[in-house]
Amino acid sequence: LTAWITYPNIRYCFLVILFSALLAVVGVKLLPEGDVLMGRGLKGNSTKVAAVHSGDDGDDYTNMEVQGTTSWSSTQGNIASPKCTSNSVAAEENAISSYWEIFSDRKTVVLCFTGFFFHFANANVLLVLGELMGGDNEDGTTKRSAIPLIAGAIVLAQFTMSGATLAGDRMTKGGWGRKPLFMAGLLTLPLRCFLIIFWKDAGEAWLLSTQILDGVGGGFFGLLHPYLVADITFGSGRFNVIMGLTASCFGLGGTLSNLLGQMVVEKYGHVASLTGSMFLSVIPIVLFALAMPETAGSRGKNAKSAVLVEAAGVSA
């Protein structure tokens, strides 16, 4: 709306982004802090505990307290259940995994590269779609008629993303694994690129409809990303680190996609850029399908939690 009103000075749209960012900063203060340890990928209330996951994402956990200052790699110390005391807080720092341990985890590496190549193939597609739908004036500036089309493409994807996120959440709670849902999100990208190429001369409505696939892919990807990181880092205390690392890889892929994708458009045209994105989108699909195991139900089954389980059995 701002771009339409202020056309051709559409640079004022950036003021809307500034205002929205300020609202987001204020809104963060209104969010509940939640459990600090849970936020770090640890299970507990106000103390350092480990949890043996029962196979779903509910609250059905077996909580075990580690008293004293022994590390996770040691079987020494007393393990008590279910009450926790403040003595276990002293062992918190010894319980955190090293950066190398969590960075070198194969699942972390696979997720980083999967997200990088997905966004490397995906980010440029919306730009190309907008150019195909709206076109340019003779002087190279964006047509005013392109503004509502591009806005509609974004809004349609966002609405679809909301529905896909809700459906994915219910499917996850219903027992669906992470891998099939994440794979479904990845598979939407090559299909979307193909349809845009196939319908490039079919009209704006057909091109706009491809954004439904963008919403489905983005919804599943956005929903499953923190789930996967939580599964990978459970009990390590490095949830936020891996969330930041994976998000950085995703952002780097998106940035390079916009840069290189538009360079291809300038030299070889829109179809060549979309074809490149379509072929690139196969990389994350193959990588995730072959190298990433199913992570649902894996929480509490890492080496640290296994030590606690073994120690609990010995003490019993």
C-alpha atoms as a PDB file:
ATOM      1  CA  LEU A   1       0.000   0.000   0.000  1.00  0.00           C
ATOM      2  CA  THR A   2       2.825   2.374   0.866  1.00  0.00           C
ATOM      3  CA  ALA A   3       4.576   1.598  -2.419  1.00  0.00           C
ATOM      4  CA  TRP A   4       1.367   2.176  -4.384  1.00  0.00           C
ATOM      5  CA  ILE A   5       0.698   5.528  -2.709  1.00  0.00           C
ATOM      6  CA  THR A   6       4.272   6.833  -2.894  1.00  0.00           C
ATOM      7  CA  TYR A   7       5.008   5.499  -6.412  1.00  0.00           C
ATOM      8  CA  PRO A   8       7.503   6.036  -8.029  1.00  0.00           C
ATOM      9  CA  ASN A   9       9.356   6.840  -4.777  1.00  0.00           C
ATOM     10  CA  ILE A  10       8.962   3.288  -3.486  1.00  0.00           C
ATOM     11  CA  ARG A  11      12.052   3.682  -1.322  1.00  0.00           C
ATOM     12  CA  TYR A  12       9.720   4.912   1.419  1.00  0.00           C
ATOM     13  CA  CYS A  13       8.663   1.292   1.863  1.00  0.00           C
ATOM     14  CA  PHE A  14      11.787   0.861   3.956  1.00  0.00           C
ATOM     15  CA  LEU A  15      10.207   3.125   6.572  1.00  0.00           C
ATOM     16  CA  VAL A  16       7.481   0.512   6.980  1.00  0.00           C
ATOM     17  CA  ILE A  17      10.152  -2.103   7.649  1.00  0.00           C
ATOM     18  CA  LEU A  18      11.739   0.194  10.234  1.00  0.00           C
ATOM     19  CA  PHE A  19       8.416   0.741  11.987  1.00  0.00           C
ATOM     20  CA  SER A  20       7.630  -2.999  11.965  1.00  0.00           C
ATOM     21  CA  ALA A  21      11.051  -3.803  13.411  1.00  0.00           C
ATOM     22  CA  LEU A  22      10.502  -1.346  16.258  1.00  0.00           C
ATOM     23  CA  LEU A  23       7.145  -2.956  17.034  1.00  0.00           C
ATOM     24  CA  ALA A  24       8.843  -6.357  17.088  1.00  0.00           C
ATOM     25  CA  VAL A  25      11.438  -5.094  19.576  1.00  0.00           C
ATOM     26  CA  VAL A  26       8.656  -3.865  21.861  1.00  0.00           C
ATOM     27  CA  GLY A  27       6.743  -7.111  21.418  1.00  0.00           C
ATOM     28  CA  VAL A  28       9.696  -9.227  22.548  1.00  0.00           C
ATOM     29  CA  LYS A  29       9.398  -7.666  25.998  1.00  0.00           C
ATOM     30  CA  LEU A  30       5.864  -9.020  26.265  1.00  0.00           C
ATOM     31  CA  LEU A  31       6.857 -12.633  25.624  1.00  0.00           C
ATOM     32  CA  PRO A  32       7.160 -14.959  28.644  1.00  0.00           C
ATOM     33  CA  GLU A  33      10.750 -15.878  29.435  1.00  0.00           C
ATOM     34  CA  GLY A  34       9.992 -19.535  29.982  1.00  0.00           C
ATOM     35  CA  ASP A  35      12.365 -22.086  31.469  1.00  0.00           C
ATOM     36  CA  VAL A  36      15.950 -20.904  31.082  1.00  0.00           C
ATOM     37  CA  LEU A  37      17.404 -24.408  30.960  1.00  0.00           C
ATOM     38  CA  MET A  38      14.822 -25.596  28.457  1.00  0.00           C
ATOM     39  CA  GLY A  39      15.774 -22.634  26.292  1.00  0.00           C
ATOM     40  CA  ARG A  40      19.368 -23.871  26.264  1.00  0.00           C
ATOM     41  CA  GLY A  41      18.401 -27.385  25.269  1.00  0.00           C
ATOM     42  CA  LEU A  42      18.390 -28.798  28.782  1.00  0.00           C
ATOM     43  CA  LYS A  43      15.511 -30.446  30.619  1.00  0.00           C
ATOM     44  CA  GLY A  44      14.608 -29.087  34.022  1.00  0.00           C
ATOM     45  CA  ASN A  45      12.869 -26.427  36.044  1.00  0.00           C
ATOM     46  CA  SER A  46      15.490 -24.422  37.929  1.00  0.00           C
ATOM     47  CA  THR A  47      18.188 -27.075  38.076  1.00  0.00           C
ATOM     48  CA  LYS A  48      20.348 -29.052  35.685  1.00  0.00           C
ATOM     49  CA  VAL A  49      18.689 -32.292  34.777  1.00  0.00           C
ATOM     50  CA  ALA A  50      18.717 -34.767  31.976  1.00  0.00           C
ATOM     51  CA  ALA A  51      15.679 -36.371  30.454  1.00  0.00           C
ATOM     52  CA  VAL A  52      14.982 -39.631  28.768  1.00  0.00           C
ATOM     53  CA  HIS A  53      12.557 -38.922  25.969  1.00  0.00           C
ATOM     54  CA  SER A  54       9.669 -41.309  25.748  1.00  0.00           C
ATOM     55  CA  GLY A  55       9.191 -41.054  21.999  1.00  0.00           C
ATOM     56  CA  ASP A  56       6.988 -37.982  21.535  1.00  0.00           C
ATOM     57  CA  ASP A  57       7.061 -34.252  22.131  1.00  0.00           C
ATOM     58  CA  GLY A  58       4.833 -34.194  25.167  1.00  0.00           C
ATOM     59  CA  ASP A  59       5.740 -33.932  28.802  1.00  0.00           C
ATOM     60  CA  ASP A  60       6.230 -37.673  29.260  1.00  0.00           C
ATOM     61  CA  TYR A  61       9.814 -37.540  30.418  1.00  0.00           C
ATOM     62  CA  THR A  62      11.785 -39.411  33.036  1.00  0.00           C
ATOM     63  CA  ASN A  63      13.654 -36.687  34.868  1.00  0.00           C
ATOM     64  CA  MET A  64      16.892 -37.440  36.654  1.00  0.00           C
ATOM     65  CA  GLU A  65      18.898 -35.042  38.764  1.00  0.00           C
ATOM     66  CA  VAL A  66      22.663 -34.975  38.839  1.00  0.00           C
ATOM     67  CA  GLN A  67      23.906 -33.850  42.240  1.00  0.00           C
ATOM     68  CA  GLY A  68      27.366 -32.540  42.993  1.00  0.00           C
ATOM     69  CA  THR A  69      29.844 -31.270  40.438  1.00  0.00           C
ATOM     70  CA  THR A  70      30.531 -34.368  38.369  1.00  0.00           C
ATOM     71  CA  SER A  71      30.504 -34.035  34.592  1.00  0.00           C
ATOM     72  CA  TRP A  72      28.112 -35.741  32.211  1.00  0.00           C
ATOM     73  CA  SER A  73      30.856 -38.059  31.078  1.00  0.00           C
ATOM     74  CA  SER A  74      31.246 -39.470  34.554  1.00  0.00           C
ATOM     75  CA  THR A  75      29.026 -42.003  36.243  1.00  0.00           C
ATOM     76  CA  GLN A  76      29.932 -40.766  39.684  1.00  0.00           C
ATOM     77  CA  GLY A  77      27.474 -38.856  41.816  1.00  0.00           C
ATOM     78  CA  ASN A  78      24.042 -39.521  43.161  1.00  0.00           C
ATOM     79  CA  ILE A  79      20.991 -39.689  40.911  1.00  0.00           C
ATOM     80  CA  ALA A  80      17.679 -38.962  42.517  1.00  0.00           C
ATOM     81  CA  SER A  81      14.116 -38.830  41.101  1.00  0.00           C
ATOM     82  CA  PRO A  82      11.798 -37.030  40.870  1.00  0.00           C
ATOM     83  CA  LYS A  83      12.597 -34.028  43.095  1.00  0.00           C
ATOM     84  CA  CYS A  84      15.402 -31.635  42.253  1.00  0.00           C
ATOM     85  CA  THR A  85      17.423 -29.502  44.609  1.00  0.00           C
ATOM     86  CA  SER A  86      19.591 -26.456  44.142  1.00  0.00           C
ATOM     87  CA  ASN A  87      22.762 -28.551  44.533  1.00  0.00           C
ATOM     88  CA  SER A  88      22.567 -29.612  40.885  1.00  0.00           C
ATOM     89  CA  VAL A  89      22.950 -26.007  39.697  1.00  0.00           C
ATOM     90  CA  ALA A  90      26.661 -26.215  40.478  1.00  0.00           C
ATOM     91  CA  ALA A  91      27.035 -28.988  37.920  1.00  0.00           C
ATOM     92  CA  GLU A  92      25.435 -27.019  35.106  1.00  0.00           C
ATOM     93  CA  GLU A  93      28.593 -25.694  33.467  1.00  0.00           C
ATOM     94  CA  ASN A  94      30.206 -29.145  33.559  1.00  0.00           C
ATOM     95  CA  ALA A  95      27.116 -30.513  31.811  1.00  0.00           C
ATOM     96  CA  ILE A  96      27.364 -28.322  28.718  1.00  0.00           C
ATOM     97  CA  SER A  97      28.748 -29.931  25.566  1.00  0.00           C
ATOM     98  CA  SER A  98      31.820 -28.465  23.921  1.00  0.00           C
ATOM     99  CA  TYR A  99      31.363 -26.461  20.742  1.00  0.00           C
ATOM    100  CA  TRP A 100      33.340 -28.998  18.759  1.00  0.00           C
ATOM    101  CA  GLU A 101      31.185 -31.853  20.011  1.00  0.00           C
ATOM    102  CA  ILE A 102      27.972 -30.261  18.792  1.00  0.00           C
ATOM    103  CA  PHE A 103      29.432 -28.660  15.631  1.00  0.00           C
ATOM    104  CA  SER A 104      30.906 -31.983  14.493  1.00  0.00           C
ATOM    105  CA  ASP A 105      27.633 -33.855  14.923  1.00  0.00           C
ATOM    106  CA  ARG A 106      26.700 -35.242  11.508  1.00  0.00           C
ATOM    107  CA  LYS A 107      23.083 -34.174  11.897  1.00  0.00           C
ATOM    108  CA  THR A 108      24.161 -30.577  12.543  1.00  0.00           C
ATOM    109  CA  VAL A 109      26.323 -30.539   9.414  1.00  0.00           C
ATOM    110  CA  VAL A 110      23.567 -32.079   7.280  1.00  0.00           C
ATOM    111  CA  LEU A 111      20.980 -29.566   8.498  1.00  0.00           C
ATOM    112  CA  CYS A 112      23.310 -26.625   7.830  1.00  0.00           C
ATOM    113  CA  PHE A 113      24.076 -27.701   4.258  1.00  0.00           C
ATOM    114  CA  THR A 114      20.470 -28.689   3.564  1.00  0.00           C
ATOM    115  CA  GLY A 115      19.208 -25.285   4.639  1.00  0.00           C
ATOM    116  CA  PHE A 116      21.985 -23.480   2.793  1.00  0.00           C
ATOM    117  CA  PHE A 117      21.235 -25.129  -0.550  1.00  0.00           C
ATOM    118  CA  PHE A 118      17.468 -24.849  -0.074  1.00  0.00           C
ATOM    119  CA  HIS A 119      17.658 -21.089   0.441  1.00  0.00           C
ATOM    120  CA  PHE A 120      20.358 -20.763  -2.202  1.00  0.00           C
ATOM    121  CA  ALA A 121      17.887 -22.199  -4.693  1.00  0.00           C
ATOM    122  CA  ASN A 122      14.766 -20.578  -3.240  1.00  0.00           C
ATOM    123  CA  ALA A 123      15.365 -16.913  -2.407  1.00  0.00           C
ATOM    124  CA  ASN A 124      15.787 -15.711  -5.976  1.00  0.00           C
ATOM    125  CA  VAL A 125      12.599 -17.373  -7.204  1.00  0.00           C
ATOM    126  CA  LEU A 126      10.263 -14.711  -5.775  1.00  0.00           C
ATOM    127  CA  LEU A 127      12.289 -11.939  -7.411  1.00  0.00           C
ATOM    128  CA  VAL A 128      12.096 -13.663 -10.789  1.00  0.00           C
ATOM    129  CA  LEU A 129       8.380 -14.328 -10.312  1.00  0.00           C
ATOM    130  CA  GLY A 130       7.754 -10.653  -9.585  1.00  0.00           C
ATOM    131  CA  GLU A 131       9.673  -9.633 -12.679  1.00  0.00           C
ATOM    132  CA  LEU A 132       7.703 -12.070 -14.844  1.00  0.00           C
ATOM    133  CA  MET A 133       4.347 -10.871 -13.507  1.00  0.00           C
ATOM    134  CA  GLY A 134       4.961  -7.143 -13.322  1.00  0.00           C
ATOM    135  CA  GLY A 135       7.520  -6.285 -15.952  1.00  0.00           C
ATOM    136  CA  ASP A 136       9.311  -2.951 -16.282  1.00  0.00           C
ATOM    137  CA  ASN A 137       8.699   0.387 -17.900  1.00  0.00           C
ATOM    138  CA  GLU A 138      10.680   1.407 -20.977  1.00  0.00           C
ATOM    139  CA  ASP A 139      13.177   3.254 -18.774  1.00  0.00           C
ATOM    140  CA  GLY A 140      13.779   0.114 -16.683  1.00  0.00           C
ATOM    141  CA  THR A 141      11.778   1.207 -13.634  1.00  0.00           C
ATOM    142  CA  THR A 142       9.179  -1.053 -12.038  1.00  0.00           C
ATOM    143  CA  LYS A 143       5.627  -0.704 -13.340  1.00  0.00           C
ATOM    144  CA  ARG A 144       3.054   0.490 -10.850  1.00  0.00           C
ATOM    145  CA  SER A 145       0.835  -2.449 -11.775  1.00  0.00           C
ATOM    146  CA  ALA A 146       3.551  -4.808 -10.548  1.00  0.00           C
ATOM    147  CA  ILE A 147       3.259  -3.575  -6.958  1.00  0.00           C
ATOM    148  CA  PRO A 148      -0.082  -5.258  -6.062  1.00  0.00           C
ATOM    149  CA  LEU A 149       0.979  -8.425  -7.878  1.00  0.00           C
ATOM    150  CA  ILE A 150       4.192  -8.742  -5.885  1.00  0.00           C
ATOM    151  CA  ALA A 151       2.356  -7.858  -2.678  1.00  0.00           C
ATOM    152  CA  GLY A 152      -0.279 -10.476  -3.491  1.00  0.00           C
ATOM    153  CA  ALA A 153       2.425 -13.086  -4.068  1.00  0.00           C
ATOM    154  CA  ILE A 154       3.922 -12.377  -0.650  1.00  0.00           C
ATOM    155  CA  VAL A 155       0.573 -12.304   1.164  1.00  0.00           C
ATOM    156  CA  LEU A 156      -0.635 -15.503  -0.512  1.00  0.00           C
ATOM    157  CA  ALA A 157       2.551 -17.290   0.543  1.00  0.00           C
ATOM    158  CA  GLN A 158       2.216 -15.998   4.115  1.00  0.00           C
ATOM    159  CA  PHE A 159      -1.405 -17.131   4.446  1.00  0.00           C
ATOM    160  CA  THR A 160      -0.535 -20.533   3.032  1.00  0.00           C
ATOM    161  CA  MET A 161       2.475 -20.727   5.344  1.00  0.00           C
ATOM    162  CA  SER A 162       0.226 -20.149   8.355  1.00  0.00           C
ATOM    163  CA  GLY A 163      -2.040 -22.998   7.304  1.00  0.00           C
ATOM    164  CA  ALA A 164       0.883 -25.289   6.539  1.00  0.00           C
ATOM    165  CA  THR A 165       2.443 -24.550   9.925  1.00  0.00           C
ATOM    166  CA  LEU A 166      -0.815 -25.362  11.710  1.00  0.00           C
ATOM    167  CA  ALA A 167      -1.266 -28.576   9.730  1.00  0.00           C
ATOM    168  CA  GLY A 168       2.352 -29.576  10.272  1.00  0.00           C
ATOM    169  CA  ASP A 169       2.050 -28.987  14.013  1.00  0.00           C
ATOM    170  CA  ARG A 170      -0.991 -31.229  14.235  1.00  0.00           C
ATOM    171  CA  MET A 171       0.690 -33.896  12.139  1.00  0.00           C
ATOM    172  CA  THR A 172       3.774 -33.751  14.373  1.00  0.00           C
ATOM    173  CA  LYS A 173       1.638 -34.163  17.479  1.00  0.00           C
ATOM    174  CA  GLY A 174      -0.187 -36.992  15.729  1.00  0.00           C
ATOM    175  CA  GLY A 175       3.002 -39.018  15.452  1.00  0.00           C
ATOM    176  CA  TRP A 176       4.440 -37.962  12.104  1.00  0.00           C
ATOM    177  CA  GLY A 177       8.216 -37.925  12.014  1.00  0.00           C
ATOM    178  CA  ARG A 178      10.348 -34.893  11.289  1.00  0.00           C
ATOM    179  CA  LYS A 179      11.873 -36.299   8.138  1.00  0.00           C
ATOM    180  CA  PRO A 180       8.771 -36.853   5.960  1.00  0.00           C
ATOM    181  CA  LEU A 181       7.372 -33.405   6.771  1.00  0.00           C
ATOM    182  CA  PHE A 182      10.685 -31.674   6.164  1.00  0.00           C
ATOM    183  CA  MET A 183      11.102 -33.608   2.927  1.00  0.00           C
ATOM    184  CA  ALA A 184       7.629 -32.488   1.846  1.00  0.00           C
ATOM    185  CA  GLY A 185       8.714 -28.891   2.353  1.00  0.00           C
ATOM    186  CA  LEU A 186      11.871 -29.399   0.322  1.00  0.00           C
ATOM    187  CA  LEU A 187      10.022 -31.077  -2.542  1.00  0.00           C
ATOM    188  CA  THR A 188       7.792 -28.051  -3.124  1.00  0.00           C
ATOM    189  CA  LEU A 189      10.691 -25.972  -4.477  1.00  0.00           C
ATOM    190  CA  PRO A 190      11.596 -27.886  -7.678  1.00  0.00           C
ATOM    191  CA  LEU A 191       7.894 -28.291  -8.431  1.00  0.00           C
ATOM    192  CA  ARG A 192       7.354 -24.557  -7.964  1.00  0.00           C
ATOM    193  CA  CYS A 193      10.254 -23.672 -10.280  1.00  0.00           C
ATOM    194  CA  PHE A 194       8.974 -26.059 -12.926  1.00  0.00           C
ATOM    195  CA  LEU A 195       5.455 -24.617 -12.814  1.00  0.00           C
ATOM    196  CA  ILE A 196       6.690 -21.036 -13.076  1.00  0.00           C
ATOM    197  CA  ILE A 197       8.713 -21.952 -16.178  1.00  0.00           C
ATOM    198  CA  PHE A 198       5.771 -23.905 -17.633  1.00  0.00           C
ATOM    199  CA  TRP A 199       3.244 -21.111 -16.927  1.00  0.00           C
ATOM    200  CA  LYS A 200       5.471 -18.126 -17.667  1.00  0.00           C
ATOM    201  CA  ASP A 201       3.205 -17.075 -20.558  1.00  0.00           C
ATOM    202  CA  ALA A 202      -0.067 -18.398 -19.114  1.00  0.00           C
ATOM    203  CA  GLY A 203      -1.016 -15.232 -17.237  1.00  0.00           C
ATOM    204  CA  GLU A 204      -0.537 -13.563 -13.891  1.00  0.00           C
ATOM    205  CA  ALA A 205      -3.109 -15.687 -12.052  1.00  0.00           C
ATOM    206  CA  TRP A 206      -1.302 -18.931 -12.893  1.00  0.00           C
ATOM    207  CA  LEU A 207       2.044 -17.498 -11.863  1.00  0.00           C
ATOM    208  CA  LEU A 208       0.579 -16.134  -8.643  1.00  0.00           C
ATOM    209  CA  SER A 209      -0.861 -19.531  -7.726  1.00  0.00           C
ATOM    210  CA  THR A 210       2.646 -21.019  -7.512  1.00  0.00           C
ATOM    211  CA  GLN A 211       3.135 -19.062  -4.300  1.00  0.00           C
ATOM    212  CA  ILE A 212       0.941 -21.631  -2.580  1.00  0.00           C
ATOM    213  CA  LEU A 213       3.841 -24.045  -2.903  1.00  0.00           C
ATOM    214  CA  ASP A 214       6.158 -21.408  -1.473  1.00  0.00           C
ATOM    215  CA  GLY A 215       3.895 -21.137   1.556  1.00  0.00           C
ATOM    216  CA  VAL A 216       3.725 -24.907   2.072  1.00  0.00           C
ATOM    217  CA  GLY A 217       7.488 -25.270   1.783  1.00  0.00           C
ATOM    218  CA  GLY A 218       8.206 -22.296   4.017  1.00  0.00           C
ATOM    219  CA  GLY A 219       5.648 -23.420   6.591  1.00  0.00           C
ATOM    220  CA  PHE A 220       7.021 -26.941   6.941  1.00  0.00           C
ATOM    221  CA  PHE A 221      10.626 -25.743   6.820  1.00  0.00           C
ATOM    222  CA  GLY A 222      10.059 -23.040   9.435  1.00  0.00           C
ATOM    223  CA  LEU A 223       8.143 -25.374  11.741  1.00  0.00           C
ATOM    224  CA  LEU A 224      10.524 -28.319  11.569  1.00  0.00           C
ATOM    225  CA  HIS A 225      13.732 -26.293  11.851  1.00  0.00           C
ATOM    226  CA  PRO A 226      13.519 -25.700  15.647  1.00  0.00           C
ATOM    227  CA  TYR A 227      12.180 -29.220  16.164  1.00  0.00           C
ATOM    228  CA  LEU A 228      15.213 -30.695  14.420  1.00  0.00           C
ATOM    229  CA  VAL A 229      17.628 -28.470  16.326  1.00  0.00           C
ATOM    230  CA  ALA A 230      15.941 -29.369  19.611  1.00  0.00           C
ATOM    231  CA  ASP A 231      16.277 -33.075  18.819  1.00  0.00           C
ATOM    232  CA  ILE A 232      19.925 -32.727  17.804  1.00  0.00           C
ATOM    233  CA  THR A 233      21.006 -30.598  20.772  1.00  0.00           C
ATOM    234  CA  PHE A 234      18.833 -32.087  23.506  1.00  0.00           C
ATOM    235  CA  GLY A 235      20.817 -32.335  26.733  1.00  0.00           C
ATOM    236  CA  SER A 236      23.813 -30.475  25.305  1.00  0.00           C
ATOM    237  CA  GLY A 237      22.959 -26.942  26.424  1.00  0.00           C
ATOM    238  CA  ARG A 238      23.753 -25.677  22.907  1.00  0.00           C
ATOM    239  CA  PHE A 239      20.285 -25.212  21.423  1.00  0.00           C
ATOM    240  CA  ASN A 240      20.673 -21.475  20.842  1.00  0.00           C
ATOM    241  CA  VAL A 241      24.149 -21.923  19.358  1.00  0.00           C
ATOM    242  CA  ILE A 242      22.934 -24.378  16.738  1.00  0.00           C
ATOM    243  CA  MET A 243      19.828 -22.318  16.019  1.00  0.00           C
ATOM    244  CA  GLY A 244      22.127 -19.378  15.309  1.00  0.00           C
ATOM    245  CA  LEU A 245      24.538 -21.463  13.251  1.00  0.00           C
ATOM    246  CA  THR A 246      21.828 -23.010  11.070  1.00  0.00           C
ATOM    247  CA  ALA A 247      20.011 -19.690  10.634  1.00  0.00           C
ATOM    248  CA  SER A 248      23.296 -18.089   9.526  1.00  0.00           C
ATOM    249  CA  CYS A 249      23.788 -20.819   6.916  1.00  0.00           C
ATOM    250  CA  PHE A 250      20.228 -20.302   5.693  1.00  0.00           C
ATOM    251  CA  GLY A 251      20.737 -16.542   5.473  1.00  0.00           C
ATOM    252  CA  LEU A 252      24.019 -16.921   3.610  1.00  0.00           C
ATOM    253  CA  GLY A 253      22.335 -19.168   1.066  1.00  0.00           C
ATOM    254  CA  GLY A 254      19.508 -16.686   0.559  1.00  0.00           C
ATOM    255  CA  THR A 255      21.907 -13.764   0.098  1.00  0.00           C
ATOM    256  CA  LEU A 256      23.989 -15.590  -2.499  1.00  0.00           C
ATOM    257  CA  SER A 257      20.807 -16.697  -4.241  1.00  0.00           C
ATOM    258  CA  ASN A 258      19.623 -13.122  -4.762  1.00  0.00           C
ATOM    259  CA  LEU A 259      23.053 -11.971  -5.904  1.00  0.00           C
ATOM    260  CA  LEU A 260      23.929 -14.780  -8.307  1.00  0.00           C
ATOM    261  CA  GLY A 261      20.360 -15.403  -9.417  1.00  0.00           C
ATOM    262  CA  GLN A 262      19.907 -11.825 -10.614  1.00  0.00           C
ATOM    263  CA  MET A 263      23.281 -11.923 -12.345  1.00  0.00           C
ATOM    264  CA  VAL A 264      22.023 -14.921 -14.298  1.00  0.00           C
ATOM    265  CA  VAL A 265      18.795 -13.047 -15.131  1.00  0.00           C
ATOM    266  CA  GLU A 266      20.759 -10.106 -16.534  1.00  0.00           C
ATOM    267  CA  LYS A 267      22.980 -12.274 -18.730  1.00  0.00           C
ATOM    268  CA  TYR A 268      20.800 -15.252 -19.692  1.00  0.00           C
ATOM    269  CA  GLY A 269      17.203 -14.399 -18.788  1.00  0.00           C
ATOM    270  CA  HIS A 270      14.508 -15.457 -16.316  1.00  0.00           C
ATOM    271  CA  VAL A 271      14.072 -19.010 -17.533  1.00  0.00           C
ATOM    272  CA  ALA A 272      17.787 -19.745 -17.136  1.00  0.00           C
ATOM    273  CA  SER A 273      17.738 -18.428 -13.574  1.00  0.00           C
ATOM    274  CA  LEU A 274      14.669 -20.505 -12.686  1.00  0.00           C
ATOM    275  CA  THR A 275      16.178 -23.588 -14.310  1.00  0.00           C
ATOM    276  CA  GLY A 276      19.294 -23.152 -12.213  1.00  0.00           C
ATOM    277  CA  SER A 277      17.177 -22.863  -9.064  1.00  0.00           C
ATOM    278  CA  MET A 278      15.232 -25.975 -10.032  1.00  0.00           C
ATOM    279  CA  PHE A 279      18.353 -28.093 -10.421  1.00  0.00           C
ATOM    280  CA  LEU A 280      19.962 -26.641  -7.294  1.00  0.00           C
ATOM    281  CA  SER A 281      16.844 -27.496  -5.289  1.00  0.00           C
ATOM    282  CA  VAL A 282      17.515 -31.194  -5.871  1.00  0.00           C
ATOM    283  CA  ILE A 283      20.732 -31.009  -3.799  1.00  0.00           C
ATOM    284  CA  PRO A 284      19.064 -30.454  -0.392  1.00  0.00           C
ATOM    285  CA  ILE A 285      16.461 -33.112  -1.170  1.00  0.00           C
ATOM    286  CA  VAL A 286      19.055 -35.777  -1.913  1.00  0.00           C
ATOM    287  CA  LEU A 287      21.304 -34.681   0.950  1.00  0.00           C
ATOM    288  CA  PHE A 288      18.570 -34.714   3.571  1.00  0.00           C
ATOM    289  CA  ALA A 289      17.034 -37.951   2.303  1.00  0.00           C
ATOM    290  CA  LEU A 290      20.314 -39.880   2.368  1.00  0.00           C
ATOM    291  CA  ALA A 291      22.262 -38.344   5.246  1.00  0.00           C
ATOM    292  CA  MET A 292      19.742 -37.215   7.872  1.00  0.00           C
ATOM    293  CA  PRO A 293      18.256 -39.887  10.149  1.00  0.00           C
ATOM    294  CA  GLU A 294      14.817 -39.532  11.685  1.00  0.00           C
ATOM    295  CA  THR A 295      15.242 -37.474  14.867  1.00  0.00           C
ATOM    296  CA  ALA A 296      11.761 -37.823  16.364  1.00  0.00           C
ATOM    297  CA  GLY A 297      12.022 -39.804  19.585  1.00  0.00           C
ATOM    298  CA  SER A 298      15.791 -39.423  19.765  1.00  0.00           C
ATOM    299  CA  ARG A 299      15.877 -36.955  22.655  1.00  0.00           C
ATOM    300  CA  GLY A 300      17.639 -38.369  25.674  1.00  0.00           C
ATOM    301  CA  LYS A 301      19.368 -41.044  23.621  1.00  0.00           C
ATOM    302  CA  ASN A 302      22.693 -39.254  23.214  1.00  0.00           C
ATOM    303  CA  ALA A 303      25.839 -40.313  24.993  1.00  0.00           C
ATOM    304  CA  LYS A 304      25.320 -38.052  27.992  1.00  0.00           C
ATOM    305  CA  SER A 305      21.831 -39.270  28.659  1.00  0.00           C
ATOM    306  CA  ALA A 306      22.953 -42.876  28.182  1.00  0.00           C
ATOM    307  CA  VAL A 307      25.480 -42.386  30.970  1.00  0.00           C
ATOM    308  CA  LEU A 308      22.720 -41.215  33.270  1.00  0.00           C
ATOM    309  CA  VAL A 309      20.462 -44.098  32.329  1.00  0.00           C
ATOM    310  CA  GLU A 310      23.241 -46.612  32.980  1.00  0.00           C
ATOM    311  CA  ALA A 311      24.104 -44.977  36.282  1.00  0.00           C
ATOM    312  CA  ALA A 312      20.440 -45.001  37.278  1.00  0.00           C
ATOM    313  CA  GLY A 313      20.271 -48.712  36.565  1.00  0.00           C
ATOM    314  CA  VAL A 314      23.384 -49.380  38.627  1.00  0.00           C
ATOM    315  CA  SER A 315      22.110 -47.381  41.586  1.00  0.00           C
ATOM    316  CA  ALA A 316      18.773 -49.194  41.421  1.00  0.00           C
END
